[in-house]
Amino acid sequence: MHIVLYGPEGAGKGTQAKLLSEKLHLPILTSGDLVREAAEKDTGLIGEVCRRALKEGKYVPDSEMFVLWKQR
C-alpha cells in the first residue's frame, strides 16, 4: 500500500503521516529524509545538489527528486 500526502508546509502532512503509520503499521518515507540521506552519503552529482539545497535553504529540483525516489 502506498499513501501519498501532498500539501503546503505546515499543513500537517507529517502529523497525519505519523498517525497513519502508527495505525496501519506502515513506514514513513519523506522527500526531506531522502535529501538529507543523499547529502550525507552520496558523493556524486545528486549528493552535491542535495548538499547545496540544504546549505542554501532551497528545494532540490524535481528532476533530482525523481531520481532519489526511483533509487529508493
C-alpha atoms as a PDB file:
ATOM      1  CA  MET A   1       0.000   0.000   0.000  1.00  0.00           C
ATOM      2  CA  HIS A   2       1.226   3.485  -0.883  1.00  0.00           C
ATOM      3  CA  ILE A   3      -0.285   6.613   0.606  1.00  0.00           C
ATOM      4  CA  VAL A   4       0.982   9.953  -0.670  1.00  0.00           C
ATOM      5  CA  LEU A   5       0.272  13.113   1.302  1.00  0.00           C
ATOM      6  CA  TYR A   6       0.540  16.431  -0.531  1.00  0.00           C
ATOM      7  CA  GLY A   7       0.178  19.879   0.909  1.00  0.00           C
ATOM      8  CA  PRO A   8       1.928  23.125   1.726  1.00  0.00           C
ATOM      9  CA  GLU A   9       4.425  23.488   4.544  1.00  0.00           C
ATOM     10  CA  GLY A  10       2.745  23.436   7.931  1.00  0.00           C
ATOM     11  CA  ALA A  11      -0.419  21.740   6.660  1.00  0.00           C
ATOM     12  CA  GLY A  12       0.025  18.739   8.942  1.00  0.00           C
ATOM     13  CA  LYS A  13       1.350  16.155   6.478  1.00  0.00           C
ATOM     14  CA  GLY A  14       3.900  14.893   8.986  1.00  0.00           C
ATOM     15  CA  THR A  15       1.344  14.697  11.781  1.00  0.00           C
ATOM     16  CA  GLN A  16      -1.104  12.777   9.620  1.00  0.00           C
ATOM     17  CA  ALA A  17       1.672  10.505   8.314  1.00  0.00           C
ATOM     18  CA  LYS A  18       2.667   9.644  11.888  1.00  0.00           C
ATOM     19  CA  LEU A  19      -0.921   8.824  12.847  1.00  0.00           C
ATOM     20  CA  LEU A  20      -1.419   6.650   9.750  1.00  0.00           C
ATOM     21  CA  SER A  21       1.935   4.954  10.288  1.00  0.00           C
ATOM     22  CA  GLU A  22       1.026   4.009  13.834  1.00  0.00           C
ATOM     23  CA  LYS A  23      -2.490   2.840  12.969  1.00  0.00           C
ATOM     24  CA  LEU A  24      -1.613   0.904   9.797  1.00  0.00           C
ATOM     25  CA  HIS A  25       1.928  -0.165  10.772  1.00  0.00           C
ATOM     26  CA  LEU A  26       3.471   1.450   7.690  1.00  0.00           C
ATOM     27  CA  PRO A  27       6.882   3.116   7.340  1.00  0.00           C
ATOM     28  CA  ILE A  28       7.116   6.844   6.691  1.00  0.00           C
ATOM     29  CA  LEU A  29       9.253   7.955   3.756  1.00  0.00           C
ATOM     30  CA  THR A  30       9.713  11.679   3.163  1.00  0.00           C
ATOM     31  CA  SER A  31      11.435  13.696   0.489  1.00  0.00           C
ATOM     32  CA  GLY A  32      13.315  15.553   3.208  1.00  0.00           C
ATOM     33  CA  ASP A  33      14.696  12.306   4.599  1.00  0.00           C
ATOM     34  CA  LEU A  34      15.829  11.247   1.116  1.00  0.00           C
ATOM     35  CA  VAL A  35      17.563  14.595   0.551  1.00  0.00           C
ATOM     36  CA  ARG A  36      19.349  14.515   3.918  1.00  0.00           C
ATOM     37  CA  GLU A  37      20.467  10.912   3.348  1.00  0.00           C
ATOM     38  CA  ALA A  38      21.787  11.689  -0.148  1.00  0.00           C
ATOM     39  CA  ALA A  39      23.571  14.796   1.134  1.00  0.00           C
ATOM     40  CA  GLU A  40      25.302  12.681   3.754  1.00  0.00           C
ATOM     41  CA  LYS A  41      26.127   9.537   1.760  1.00  0.00           C
ATOM     42  CA  ASP A  42      26.113  10.300  -1.979  1.00  0.00           C
ATOM     43  CA  THR A  43      29.453  11.503  -3.354  1.00  0.00           C
ATOM     44  CA  GLY A  44      28.127  12.152  -6.865  1.00  0.00           C
ATOM     45  CA  LEU A  45      26.049  14.832  -8.542  1.00  0.00           C
ATOM     46  CA  ILE A  46      22.833  14.052  -6.652  1.00  0.00           C
ATOM     47  CA  GLY A  47      24.632  14.327  -3.313  1.00  0.00           C
ATOM     48  CA  GLU A  48      26.141  17.663  -4.323  1.00  0.00           C
ATOM     49  CA  VAL A  49      22.759  19.034  -5.408  1.00  0.00           C
ATOM     50  CA  CYS A  50      21.255  17.925  -2.088  1.00  0.00           C
ATOM     51  CA  ARG A  51      24.077  19.426  -0.013  1.00  0.00           C
ATOM     52  CA  ARG A  52      23.784  22.737  -1.875  1.00  0.00           C
ATOM     53  CA  ALA A  53      19.993  22.835  -1.460  1.00  0.00           C
ATOM     54  CA  LEU A  54      20.269  22.184   2.270  1.00  0.00           C
ATOM     55  CA  LYS A  55      23.020  24.763   2.702  1.00  0.00           C
ATOM     56  CA  GLU A  56      21.090  27.430   0.777  1.00  0.00           C
ATOM     57  CA  GLY A  57      17.692  26.542   2.237  1.00  0.00           C
ATOM     58  CA  LYS A  58      16.237  25.740  -1.174  1.00  0.00           C
ATOM     59  CA  TYR A  59      14.334  22.847  -2.653  1.00  0.00           C
ATOM     60  CA  VAL A  60      16.009  20.076  -4.636  1.00  0.00           C
ATOM     61  CA  PRO A  61      14.820  20.299  -8.270  1.00  0.00           C
ATOM     62  CA  ASP A  62      12.149  17.820  -9.337  1.00  0.00           C
ATOM     63  CA  SER A  63      14.489  16.074 -11.782  1.00  0.00           C
ATOM     64  CA  GLU A  64      16.827  15.108  -8.930  1.00  0.00           C
ATOM     65  CA  MET A  65      13.944  14.256  -6.580  1.00  0.00           C
ATOM     66  CA  PHE A  66      12.586  11.827  -9.185  1.00  0.00           C
ATOM     67  CA  VAL A  67      15.990  10.105  -9.207  1.00  0.00           C
ATOM     68  CA  LEU A  68      16.069   9.899  -5.401  1.00  0.00           C
ATOM     69  CA  TRP A  69      12.586   8.390  -5.249  1.00  0.00           C
ATOM     70  CA  LYS A  70      13.376   5.960  -8.069  1.00  0.00           C
ATOM     71  CA  GLN A  71      16.529   4.830  -6.252  1.00  0.00           C
ATOM     72  CA  ARG A  72      14.503   4.288  -3.092  1.00  0.00           C
END
